[in-house]
């Protein structure tokens, strides 16, 4: 089933935590001169027009990136990671666009670094190819293929440095198991891979998917790699809340990413709750397997 299109949710709170984390990973890789390779398994359209019919339908960006960037805070006073994220987003927002993870990767990587973008949805792939083609970047590859199949074919990269973003829509309950299997397969060939998995936090209203993210995280932790998770909640977890937040599970995280992300997210939740009469936005970062 390929019905999901991310434009309905572009720039929302889930994008904020996911893209903050991903930029932190890329920043760490850039500390060394040696080239690296980035993989995006569910790339989407690359960039999103916030004025189009899909993005305008729910206007989720208004309670996500728009609330953060319109606080009036001077960038110099912000945590470094949040500053990097907003600086990267600003040129896109000036054109009423939001950068998806492909645009973020393409903007943040260096000319010597490789980027593989994988998208199977026909309409999303066409948009991805068009949007990323406008950037005219070297060492960027757009693939119409299943992301996990792409990882099996393309990893480990040479040189053996890089990171993977796994961001499925989780429309089907089986997708949680697919993530676990995909990560397991990567580690059989590429032990050093840094992997970021995004996941939704769902209330009882989600039925069979309620608790699936938590179980998935437990199984990813059981792989034994150093790992932590960071979560952001934008409302209370009541039975009828639906998606009340989301998180990122980071395996083989770079040094200090946890503290950088926590500092950025603490600032973010203040802004997300700033215009709410019932401010229940919160964040939590916790290590699962410590990196010794």
Protein backbone atom coordinates (compact mmCIF):
# COMPACT_ATOMS: atom_id res chain seq x y z
CA UNK A 1 0.00 0.00 0.00
CA UNK A 2 1.54 3.28 -1.15
CA UNK A 3 -1.02 5.91 -0.20
CA UNK A 4 1.02 8.01 2.27
CA UNK A 5 2.23 11.44 1.19
CA UNK A 6 4.23 13.46 3.68
CA UNK A 7 3.09 16.87 2.40
CA UNK A 8 0.04 16.64 4.69
CA UNK A 9 2.41 16.71 7.69
CA UNK A 10 5.37 18.78 6.43
CA UNK A 11 7.06 20.91 9.07
CA UNK A 12 5.15 19.48 12.02
CA UNK A 13 6.61 18.59 15.44
CA UNK A 14 7.66 15.15 14.16
CA UNK A 15 9.73 16.74 11.39
CA UNK A 16 11.34 19.06 13.93
CA UNK A 17 12.72 16.31 16.18
CA UNK A 18 13.65 14.07 13.24
CA UNK A 19 15.51 16.78 11.34
CA UNK A 20 17.24 18.19 14.42
CA UNK A 21 18.63 14.72 15.13
CA UNK A 22 19.64 14.10 11.51
CA UNK A 23 21.49 17.42 11.26
CA UNK A 24 23.32 16.54 14.48
CA UNK A 25 24.48 13.25 12.94
CA UNK A 26 25.64 14.96 9.75
CA UNK A 27 27.45 17.68 11.71
CA UNK A 28 29.39 15.02 13.60
CA UNK A 29 30.39 13.21 10.40
CA UNK A 30 31.66 16.49 8.95
CA UNK A 31 34.18 16.91 11.77
CA UNK A 32 36.55 14.66 9.81
CA UNK A 33 37.76 15.39 6.29
CA UNK A 34 37.14 11.82 5.12
CA UNK A 35 34.01 11.54 2.90
CA UNK A 36 30.87 9.81 4.18
CA UNK A 37 27.65 8.43 2.71
CA UNK A 38 24.08 9.24 3.78
CA UNK A 39 21.12 6.94 3.10
CA UNK A 40 17.45 7.95 3.30
CA UNK A 41 15.14 4.94 3.03
CA UNK A 42 11.79 6.76 2.79
CA UNK A 43 12.81 10.01 1.14
CA UNK A 44 9.41 11.50 0.20
CA UNK A 45 9.21 14.49 -2.12
CA UNK A 46 12.39 16.21 -0.94
CA UNK A 47 10.85 19.65 -0.42
CA UNK A 48 7.27 20.71 0.32
CA UNK A 49 5.34 23.74 -0.89
CA UNK A 50 3.51 24.99 2.20
CA UNK A 51 0.96 26.76 0.01
CA UNK A 52 -0.16 23.69 -1.91
CA UNK A 53 -3.42 21.87 -1.25
CA UNK A 54 -1.92 19.03 0.80
CA UNK A 55 0.26 21.13 3.12
CA UNK A 56 -2.51 23.72 3.48
CA UNK A 57 -5.15 21.17 4.43
CA UNK A 58 -4.04 20.68 8.04
CA UNK A 59 -1.31 23.36 8.21
CA UNK A 60 0.64 21.21 10.65
CA UNK A 61 3.69 23.40 10.10
CA UNK A 62 1.91 26.18 12.00
CA UNK A 63 2.30 24.23 15.25
CA UNK A 64 5.78 23.00 14.32
CA UNK A 65 8.50 24.88 12.46
CA UNK A 66 6.48 28.12 12.18
CA UNK A 67 6.05 28.37 15.93
CA UNK A 68 9.76 27.87 16.53
CA UNK A 69 11.05 30.20 13.85
CA UNK A 70 8.57 32.98 14.66
CA UNK A 71 9.39 33.30 18.35
CA UNK A 72 11.61 36.30 17.70
CA UNK A 73 14.51 34.75 19.61
CA UNK A 74 17.92 35.77 18.40
CA UNK A 75 19.79 32.84 16.89
CA UNK A 76 22.87 33.65 18.95
CA UNK A 77 20.97 32.80 22.12
CA UNK A 78 19.81 29.39 20.89
CA UNK A 79 21.49 26.00 21.36
CA UNK A 80 23.93 25.35 18.52
CA UNK A 81 22.02 22.43 16.99
CA UNK A 82 18.73 24.35 16.95
CA UNK A 83 20.55 27.32 15.42
CA UNK A 84 21.92 25.07 12.65
CA UNK A 85 18.45 23.67 11.94
CA UNK A 86 16.74 27.06 11.74
CA UNK A 87 19.53 28.54 9.61
CA UNK A 88 19.17 25.65 7.16
CA UNK A 89 15.36 25.97 7.05
CA UNK A 90 15.18 29.75 6.61
CA UNK A 91 15.97 29.97 2.86
CA UNK A 92 13.28 27.35 2.16
CA UNK A 93 10.71 29.00 4.43
CA UNK A 94 11.38 32.33 2.68
CA UNK A 95 10.00 30.61 -0.45
CA UNK A 96 7.08 29.10 1.52
CA UNK A 97 8.72 25.68 1.43
CA UNK A 98 9.79 23.19 4.07
CA UNK A 99 12.92 21.08 3.46
CA UNK A 100 12.33 17.36 3.85
CA UNK A 101 15.19 15.12 4.93
CA UNK A 102 16.55 14.84 1.33
CA UNK A 103 16.89 18.62 1.05
CA UNK A 104 18.39 18.79 4.54
CA UNK A 105 20.94 16.09 3.67
CA UNK A 106 21.76 17.70 0.34
CA UNK A 107 22.20 21.14 1.92
CA UNK A 108 24.25 19.92 4.87
CA UNK A 109 26.58 17.47 3.11
CA UNK A 110 29.84 18.48 1.49
CA UNK A 111 30.64 18.14 -2.22
CA UNK A 112 32.77 15.07 -1.48
CA UNK A 113 30.03 13.24 0.47
CA UNK A 114 27.58 10.79 -1.09
CA UNK A 115 23.79 10.84 -0.70
CA UNK A 116 21.39 8.05 -1.65
CA UNK A 117 17.66 8.90 -1.63
CA UNK A 118 15.19 6.03 -1.95
CA UNK A 119 11.45 6.39 -2.57
CA UNK A 120 8.99 3.79 -3.87
CA UNK A 121 5.77 5.85 -4.04
CA UNK A 122 5.38 6.77 -7.76
CA UNK A 123 4.01 10.29 -7.24
CA UNK A 124 6.47 11.05 -4.43
CA UNK A 125 9.39 9.75 -6.48
CA UNK A 126 8.51 12.01 -9.42
CA UNK A 127 8.44 15.01 -7.08
CA UNK A 128 11.68 13.92 -5.41
CA UNK A 129 13.48 13.58 -8.74
CA UNK A 130 12.24 16.99 -9.88
CA UNK A 131 12.91 18.80 -6.60
CA UNK A 132 16.36 17.40 -6.04
CA UNK A 133 17.31 17.81 -9.69
CA UNK A 134 17.00 21.58 -9.24
CA UNK A 135 19.93 21.49 -6.81
CA UNK A 136 22.39 20.16 -9.43
CA UNK A 137 24.51 18.46 -6.77
CA UNK A 138 27.37 16.04 -7.27
CA UNK A 139 27.33 12.65 -5.56
CA UNK A 140 23.56 12.62 -5.06
CA UNK A 141 21.61 9.59 -6.26
CA UNK A 142 17.82 9.27 -6.43
CA UNK A 143 16.46 5.71 -6.51
CA UNK A 144 12.94 4.45 -7.22
CA UNK A 145 13.27 1.39 -5.01
CA UNK A 146 12.36 -0.10 -1.67
CA UNK A 147 14.55 1.51 0.97
CA UNK A 148 15.52 -1.71 2.74
CA UNK A 149 16.39 -3.40 -0.54
CA UNK A 150 18.48 -0.35 -1.35
CA UNK A 151 20.36 -0.66 1.93
CA UNK A 152 21.10 -4.33 1.24
CA UNK A 153 22.48 -3.40 -2.17
CA UNK A 154 24.41 -0.26 -1.27
CA UNK A 155 25.94 -0.94 2.16
CA UNK A 156 28.60 -0.88 3.40
CA UNK A 157 29.78 2.25 1.61
CA UNK A 158 33.37 3.03 0.72
CA UNK A 159 34.91 4.60 2.70
CA UNK A 160 33.19 2.96 5.65
CA UNK A 161 31.64 6.10 7.15
CA UNK A 162 28.06 7.26 7.10
CA UNK A 163 24.55 7.22 8.47
CA UNK A 164 21.06 5.97 7.67
CA UNK A 165 17.72 7.69 8.25
CA UNK A 166 14.75 5.30 8.47
CA UNK A 167 11.47 7.19 8.47
CA UNK A 168 8.55 5.01 7.32
CA UNK A 169 4.93 6.19 7.51
CA UNK A 170 3.92 3.21 9.67
CA UNK A 171 0.59 2.96 7.84
CA UNK A 172 0.73 -0.81 8.24
CA UNK A 173 1.37 -2.47 11.60
CA UNK A 174 3.88 -4.74 9.83
CA UNK A 175 6.17 -1.77 9.12
CA UNK A 176 7.51 -1.85 12.68
CA UNK A 177 8.84 -5.35 12.09
CA UNK A 178 10.26 -4.29 8.74
CA UNK A 179 12.32 -1.62 10.48
CA UNK A 180 13.78 -4.17 12.91
CA UNK A 181 14.62 -6.59 10.11
CA UNK A 182 16.12 -3.79 8.00
CA UNK A 183 18.38 -2.62 10.85
CA UNK A 184 19.45 -6.19 11.64
CA UNK A 185 20.42 -6.74 8.00
CA UNK A 186 22.46 -3.53 7.89
CA UNK A 187 24.46 -4.49 10.99
CA UNK A 188 25.33 -7.87 9.47
CA UNK A 189 27.30 -6.00 6.80
CA UNK A 190 28.02 -2.60 8.33
CA UNK A 191 28.68 -2.71 12.06
CA UNK A 192 29.69 0.96 12.27
CA UNK A 193 26.52 2.37 10.68
CA UNK A 194 24.94 5.26 12.54
CA UNK A 195 21.19 4.75 12.27
CA UNK A 196 18.34 7.13 13.12
CA UNK A 197 14.86 5.59 13.28
CA UNK A 198 11.89 7.92 13.62
CA UNK A 199 8.71 6.58 15.25
CA UNK A 200 5.27 7.88 16.28
CA UNK A 201 3.89 7.86 19.83
CA UNK A 202 0.30 6.63 19.53
CA UNK A 203 -2.52 6.47 22.05
CA UNK A 204 -5.02 3.64 22.52
CA UNK A 205 -7.07 5.08 19.65
CA UNK A 206 -4.46 3.63 17.26
CA UNK A 207 -5.68 0.10 18.02
CA UNK A 208 -3.18 -2.57 16.95
CA UNK A 209 -0.44 0.05 16.52
CA UNK A 210 -0.74 1.24 20.13
CA UNK A 211 2.51 0.27 21.86
CA UNK A 212 4.13 -0.90 18.61
CA UNK A 213 6.79 1.84 18.65
CA UNK A 214 7.77 0.99 22.21
CA UNK A 215 8.08 -2.72 21.34
CA UNK A 216 10.12 -1.86 18.25
CA UNK A 217 12.53 0.21 20.34
CA UNK A 218 12.95 -2.68 22.79
CA UNK A 219 13.84 -5.03 19.92
CA UNK A 220 16.26 -2.54 18.39
CA UNK A 221 17.95 -2.14 21.78
CA UNK A 222 18.28 -5.93 22.02
CA UNK A 223 20.68 -5.79 19.04
CA UNK A 224 23.24 -4.64 21.59
CA UNK A 225 24.52 -1.48 19.92
CA UNK A 226 25.02 1.75 21.89
CA UNK A 227 21.70 3.56 21.58
CA UNK A 228 19.50 6.28 23.03
CA UNK A 229 16.05 7.60 22.30
CA UNK A 230 14.72 11.15 22.30
CA UNK A 231 11.01 11.91 22.41
CA UNK A 232 8.82 14.95 22.13
CA UNK A 233 5.20 14.99 23.32
CA UNK A 234 2.86 17.77 22.22
CA UNK A 235 -0.23 16.69 24.15
CA UNK A 236 -1.20 14.36 26.96
CA UNK A 237 -1.39 10.66 26.24
CA UNK A 238 -5.12 10.22 26.68
CA UNK A 239 -6.95 7.27 25.06
CA UNK A 240 -8.35 9.53 22.32
CA UNK A 241 -5.20 11.59 21.65
CA UNK A 242 -4.09 9.74 18.51
CA UNK A 243 -0.48 10.67 17.73
CA UNK A 244 0.51 12.64 20.82
CA UNK A 245 4.22 12.87 19.97
CA UNK A 246 7.11 11.10 18.33
CA UNK A 247 10.68 10.05 18.86
CA UNK A 248 14.00 9.11 17.33
CA UNK A 249 15.91 5.96 18.24
CA UNK A 250 19.60 6.41 17.50
CA UNK A 251 21.96 3.45 17.17
CA UNK A 252 25.74 3.99 17.24
CA UNK A 253 25.14 7.70 17.99
CA UNK A 254 27.99 10.16 17.59
CA UNK A 255 29.60 11.57 20.70
CA UNK A 256 27.54 14.25 22.49
CA UNK A 257 24.55 14.03 20.13
CA UNK A 258 22.33 13.16 23.10
CA UNK A 259 23.19 16.33 25.01
CA UNK A 260 23.05 18.52 21.88
CA UNK A 261 19.62 17.15 20.99
CA UNK A 262 18.31 17.44 24.54
CA UNK A 263 19.36 21.09 24.75
CA UNK A 264 17.70 21.89 21.41
CA UNK A 265 14.48 20.02 22.26
CA UNK A 266 14.12 21.69 25.65
CA UNK A 267 14.09 25.01 23.82
CA UNK A 268 11.69 23.65 21.17
CA UNK A 269 9.05 22.49 23.64
CA UNK A 270 9.01 25.92 25.26
CA UNK A 271 8.12 27.40 21.87
CA UNK A 272 5.61 24.70 20.95
CA UNK A 273 3.73 25.32 24.17
CA UNK A 274 4.11 29.10 24.10
CA UNK A 275 0.77 29.77 22.38
CA UNK A 276 -1.22 26.96 23.96
CA UNK A 277 -3.63 27.48 26.84
CA UNK A 278 -2.89 23.91 27.97
CA UNK A 279 0.85 23.61 27.46
CA UNK A 280 1.65 19.94 27.77
CA UNK A 281 4.63 19.87 25.40
CA UNK A 282 7.56 17.97 26.90
CA UNK A 283 10.73 16.16 25.88
CA UNK A 284 12.88 13.38 27.26
CA UNK A 285 16.23 11.93 26.17
CA UNK A 286 17.36 8.63 27.66
CA UNK A 287 20.17 6.16 27.03
CA UNK A 288 19.14 2.54 26.52
CA UNK A 289 22.55 0.92 25.96
CA UNK A 290 25.35 3.16 27.21
CA UNK A 291 28.34 3.77 24.95
CA UNK A 292 31.38 2.66 26.99
